[in-house]
Structures are given as C-alpha cells and as structure tokens.
Amino acid sequence: MEQPNSQTMIAVEVHVCLGPRAVQSWVQHLAVGTTLGQAAEAALARVQQEPAQHACSLPNWQWGVWGRVLPPEHVLQDGDRVEAYRELLVDPKVARRERFAKQGARGAGLFSKRRDNAKPGY
C-alpha cells in the first residue's frame, strides 16, 4: 500500500460498534474536503463487506467526531476520530435506578462501607 499524498489526502480513525463489546477500528485515507456523511458511507460499505456476525440496524446510527454528534455536511480534518453511535436500548438513568432497587439501600452508596467506630457520614 503506497503512502497517500499529504496535499490531497487526510487520514481519519473510524470506530464502529457493531454490538456489545464488539468495536471495529481502522484508519481510513480520504480526500481533502470529505464530509462526515461521505466518510460514513465509506465506513458502512466496509462494514457490510465483513461477514455478518453481528445483527445491526445501520439506518439508526448517528455519526460524530470525537464524541460529538455532527451533521453530515461537517468537513473532516486530518487526524479526526469518526465514530458511529448505535441507539441506546436502555436509558442509563433508568438502568441505574433499577440496579439500585435490586441492591437495596443498605448495601449501596458512597457511605455503605464505613470504618469501625467512624462518625456517621464518614
């Protein structure tokens, strides 16, 4: 593989989560002026070439750069980290409340394990 010309190409990292604990990462060389939407299409084409080992719904994904969801018209810079975000199956706040309810109030929380003879709240 030949090195891309730094005048006409940029290198971006692409991270796609196909399922729980199944992240694929690679460096993709794109033309200068490539938008996030174009990079997403190229990434989806690569993912679809892989064997179908994960059931994923591609149309519901959102795309962003460095943890921020951005519009498809966003122009990428050299060194950007392009990420695909799947929709959440459970609201994190609801999941935390459910875990806390299962544990009970005594075994959870910041002050659940105190030293012997410690003041309340420490």
C-alpha atoms as a PDB file:
ATOM      1  CA  MET A   1       0.000   0.000   0.000  1.00  0.00           C
ATOM      2  CA  GLU A   2       1.521   3.314  -1.013  1.00  0.00           C
ATOM      3  CA  GLN A   3       1.546   6.342   1.247  1.00  0.00           C
ATOM      4  CA  PRO A   4      -1.141   8.920   0.426  1.00  0.00           C
ATOM      5  CA  ASN A   5      -0.066  12.357  -0.737  1.00  0.00           C
ATOM      6  CA  SER A   6      -0.352  14.735   2.229  1.00  0.00           C
ATOM      7  CA  GLN A   7      -1.583  17.509  -0.088  1.00  0.00           C
ATOM      8  CA  THR A   8      -4.650  15.616  -1.342  1.00  0.00           C
ATOM      9  CA  MET A   9      -5.421  13.017   1.334  1.00  0.00           C
ATOM     10  CA  ILE A  10      -6.260  13.012   5.043  1.00  0.00           C
ATOM     11  CA  ALA A  11      -6.156  10.115   7.491  1.00  0.00           C
ATOM     12  CA  VAL A  12      -9.058   9.638   9.909  1.00  0.00           C
ATOM     13  CA  GLU A  13      -9.672   6.936  12.511  1.00  0.00           C
ATOM     14  CA  VAL A  14     -13.017   5.163  12.145  1.00  0.00           C
ATOM     15  CA  HIS A  15     -14.615   3.388  15.132  1.00  0.00           C
ATOM     16  CA  VAL A  16     -17.809   1.379  14.651  1.00  0.00           C
ATOM     17  CA  CYS A  17     -19.538  -0.554  17.438  1.00  0.00           C
ATOM     18  CA  LEU A  18     -21.399  -3.466  15.876  1.00  0.00           C
ATOM     19  CA  GLY A  19     -22.664  -4.878  19.157  1.00  0.00           C
ATOM     20  CA  PRO A  20     -21.910  -5.038  22.864  1.00  0.00           C
ATOM     21  CA  ARG A  21     -18.127  -5.148  23.323  1.00  0.00           C
ATOM     22  CA  ALA A  22     -17.572  -5.517  19.563  1.00  0.00           C
ATOM     23  CA  VAL A  23     -15.798  -2.423  18.251  1.00  0.00           C
ATOM     24  CA  GLN A  24     -14.031  -2.315  14.914  1.00  0.00           C
ATOM     25  CA  SER A  25     -11.373   0.362  14.371  1.00  0.00           C
ATOM     26  CA  TRP A  26      -9.278   1.269  11.355  1.00  0.00           C
ATOM     27  CA  VAL A  27      -7.502   4.207   9.719  1.00  0.00           C
ATOM     28  CA  GLN A  28      -9.129   5.388   6.524  1.00  0.00           C
ATOM     29  CA  HIS A  29      -7.453   7.647   3.953  1.00  0.00           C
ATOM     30  CA  LEU A  30      -9.887  10.106   2.363  1.00  0.00           C
ATOM     31  CA  ALA A  31      -9.637  13.074   0.017  1.00  0.00           C
ATOM     32  CA  VAL A  32      -9.254  16.558   1.470  1.00  0.00           C
ATOM     33  CA  GLY A  33     -12.704  18.121   1.835  1.00  0.00           C
ATOM     34  CA  THR A  34     -14.506  14.839   2.552  1.00  0.00           C
ATOM     35  CA  THR A  35     -17.625  15.302   4.670  1.00  0.00           C
ATOM     36  CA  LEU A  36     -18.758  13.209   7.602  1.00  0.00           C
ATOM     37  CA  GLY A  37     -21.615  11.809   5.515  1.00  0.00           C
ATOM     38  CA  GLN A  38     -19.228  10.617   2.812  1.00  0.00           C
ATOM     39  CA  ALA A  39     -16.928   9.040   5.392  1.00  0.00           C
ATOM     40  CA  ALA A  40     -19.932   7.307   6.992  1.00  0.00           C
ATOM     41  CA  GLU A  41     -20.949   5.838   3.624  1.00  0.00           C
ATOM     42  CA  ALA A  42     -17.411   4.535   3.072  1.00  0.00           C
ATOM     43  CA  ALA A  43     -17.334   3.032   6.563  1.00  0.00           C
ATOM     44  CA  LEU A  44     -20.720   1.357   6.083  1.00  0.00           C
ATOM     45  CA  ALA A  45     -19.522  -0.124   2.786  1.00  0.00           C
ATOM     46  CA  ARG A  46     -16.533  -1.620   4.597  1.00  0.00           C
ATOM     47  CA  VAL A  47     -18.676  -2.974   7.464  1.00  0.00           C
ATOM     48  CA  GLN A  48     -21.136  -4.565   5.041  1.00  0.00           C
ATOM     49  CA  GLN A  49     -18.273  -6.424   3.337  1.00  0.00           C
ATOM     50  CA  GLU A  50     -17.436  -8.142   6.633  1.00  0.00           C
ATOM     51  CA  PRO A  51     -19.112 -11.451   7.462  1.00  0.00           C
ATOM     52  CA  ALA A  52     -22.499 -10.873   9.087  1.00  0.00           C
ATOM     53  CA  GLN A  53     -21.553 -11.959  12.595  1.00  0.00           C
ATOM     54  CA  HIS A  54     -23.417  -9.132  14.324  1.00  0.00           C
ATOM     55  CA  ALA A  55     -27.021  -8.158  13.809  1.00  0.00           C
ATOM     56  CA  CYS A  56     -27.011  -4.388  13.459  1.00  0.00           C
ATOM     57  CA  SER A  57     -29.519  -1.885  12.164  1.00  0.00           C
ATOM     58  CA  LEU A  58     -27.403   0.502  10.099  1.00  0.00           C
ATOM     59  CA  PRO A  59     -30.014   3.200   9.318  1.00  0.00           C
ATOM     60  CA  ASN A  60     -30.493   4.126  13.004  1.00  0.00           C
ATOM     61  CA  TRP A  61     -26.855   5.019  13.597  1.00  0.00           C
ATOM     62  CA  GLN A  62     -25.720   8.554  14.275  1.00  0.00           C
ATOM     63  CA  TRP A  63     -22.246   9.719  13.296  1.00  0.00           C
ATOM     64  CA  GLY A  64     -19.900  12.110  15.015  1.00  0.00           C
ATOM     65  CA  VAL A  65     -16.326  13.240  15.512  1.00  0.00           C
ATOM     66  CA  TRP A  66     -14.521  12.905  18.832  1.00  0.00           C
ATOM     67  CA  GLY A  67     -17.688  12.104  20.821  1.00  0.00           C
ATOM     68  CA  ARG A  68     -19.892  14.858  19.377  1.00  0.00           C
ATOM     69  CA  VAL A  69     -22.761  14.115  17.007  1.00  0.00           C
ATOM     70  CA  LEU A  70     -22.324  16.347  13.955  1.00  0.00           C
ATOM     71  CA  PRO A  71     -24.310  16.945  10.739  1.00  0.00           C
ATOM     72  CA  PRO A  72     -23.339  15.004   7.602  1.00  0.00           C
ATOM     73  CA  GLU A  73     -22.105  18.245   5.979  1.00  0.00           C
ATOM     74  CA  HIS A  74     -19.268  18.609   8.523  1.00  0.00           C
ATOM     75  CA  VAL A  75     -15.894  18.661   6.695  1.00  0.00           C
ATOM     76  CA  LEU A  76     -13.328  16.317   8.226  1.00  0.00           C
ATOM     77  CA  GLN A  77      -9.805  17.319   9.197  1.00  0.00           C
ATOM     78  CA  ASP A  78      -6.651  15.209   9.219  1.00  0.00           C
ATOM     79  CA  GLY A  79      -6.478  13.143  12.423  1.00  0.00           C
ATOM     80  CA  ASP A  80     -10.211  13.250  13.239  1.00  0.00           C
ATOM     81  CA  ARG A  81     -11.806  10.282  15.004  1.00  0.00           C
ATOM     82  CA  VAL A  82     -15.052   9.354  13.220  1.00  0.00           C
ATOM     83  CA  GLU A  83     -17.438   7.351  15.407  1.00  0.00           C
ATOM     84  CA  ALA A  84     -20.738   5.565  14.807  1.00  0.00           C
ATOM     85  CA  TYR A  85     -23.272   5.667  17.633  1.00  0.00           C
ATOM     86  CA  ARG A  86     -25.946   2.981  17.929  1.00  0.00           C
ATOM     87  CA  GLU A  87     -29.233   3.904  19.549  1.00  0.00           C
ATOM     88  CA  LEU A  88     -29.474   3.149  23.274  1.00  0.00           C
ATOM     89  CA  LEU A  89     -31.535   0.132  24.236  1.00  0.00           C
ATOM     90  CA  VAL A  90     -31.991   1.298  27.848  1.00  0.00           C
ATOM     91  CA  ASP A  91     -31.881   4.785  29.326  1.00  0.00           C
ATOM     92  CA  PRO A  92     -28.783   4.898  31.631  1.00  0.00           C
ATOM     93  CA  LYS A  93     -30.710   6.683  34.380  1.00  0.00           C
ATOM     94  CA  VAL A  94     -33.446   4.059  34.391  1.00  0.00           C
ATOM     95  CA  ALA A  95     -30.871   1.249  34.431  1.00  0.00           C
ATOM     96  CA  ARG A  96     -29.115   2.795  37.439  1.00  0.00           C
ATOM     97  CA  ARG A  97     -32.400   3.145  39.334  1.00  0.00           C
ATOM     98  CA  GLU A  98     -33.247  -0.492  38.636  1.00  0.00           C
ATOM     99  CA  ARG A  99     -29.809  -1.693  39.812  1.00  0.00           C
ATOM    100  CA  PHE A 100     -30.132   0.366  42.993  1.00  0.00           C
ATOM    101  CA  ALA A 101     -33.622  -1.040  43.677  1.00  0.00           C
ATOM    102  CA  LYS A 102     -32.301  -4.609  43.326  1.00  0.00           C
ATOM    103  CA  GLN A 103     -29.367  -3.963  45.703  1.00  0.00           C
ATOM    104  CA  GLY A 104     -31.369  -2.287  48.393  1.00  0.00           C
ATOM    105  CA  ALA A 105     -30.442   0.931  50.164  1.00  0.00           C
ATOM    106  CA  ARG A 106     -28.123  -0.572  52.804  1.00  0.00           C
ATOM    107  CA  GLY A 107     -25.583  -2.228  50.512  1.00  0.00           C
ATOM    108  CA  ALA A 108     -25.152   0.604  48.044  1.00  0.00           C
ATOM    109  CA  GLY A 109     -23.993   4.151  48.031  1.00  0.00           C
ATOM    110  CA  LEU A 110     -20.955   6.210  48.887  1.00  0.00           C
ATOM    111  CA  PHE A 111     -21.013   5.572  52.638  1.00  0.00           C
ATOM    112  CA  SER A 112     -22.151   1.942  52.707  1.00  0.00           C
ATOM    113  CA  LYS A 113     -18.762   0.667  53.935  1.00  0.00           C
ATOM    114  CA  ARG A 114     -17.590   2.665  56.918  1.00  0.00           C
ATOM    115  CA  ARG A 115     -14.630   2.018  59.150  1.00  0.00           C
ATOM    116  CA  ASP A 116     -15.347   0.680  62.625  1.00  0.00           C
ATOM    117  CA  ASN A 117     -16.252   3.442  65.127  1.00  0.00           C
ATOM    118  CA  ALA A 118     -16.379   6.079  62.379  1.00  0.00           C
ATOM    119  CA  LYS A 119     -18.695   9.086  62.603  1.00  0.00           C
ATOM    120  CA  PRO A 120     -21.943   8.841  60.628  1.00  0.00           C
ATOM    121  CA  GLY A 121     -21.384  10.077  57.089  1.00  0.00           C
ATOM    122  CA  TYR A 122     -17.651   9.297  57.031  1.00  0.00           C
END
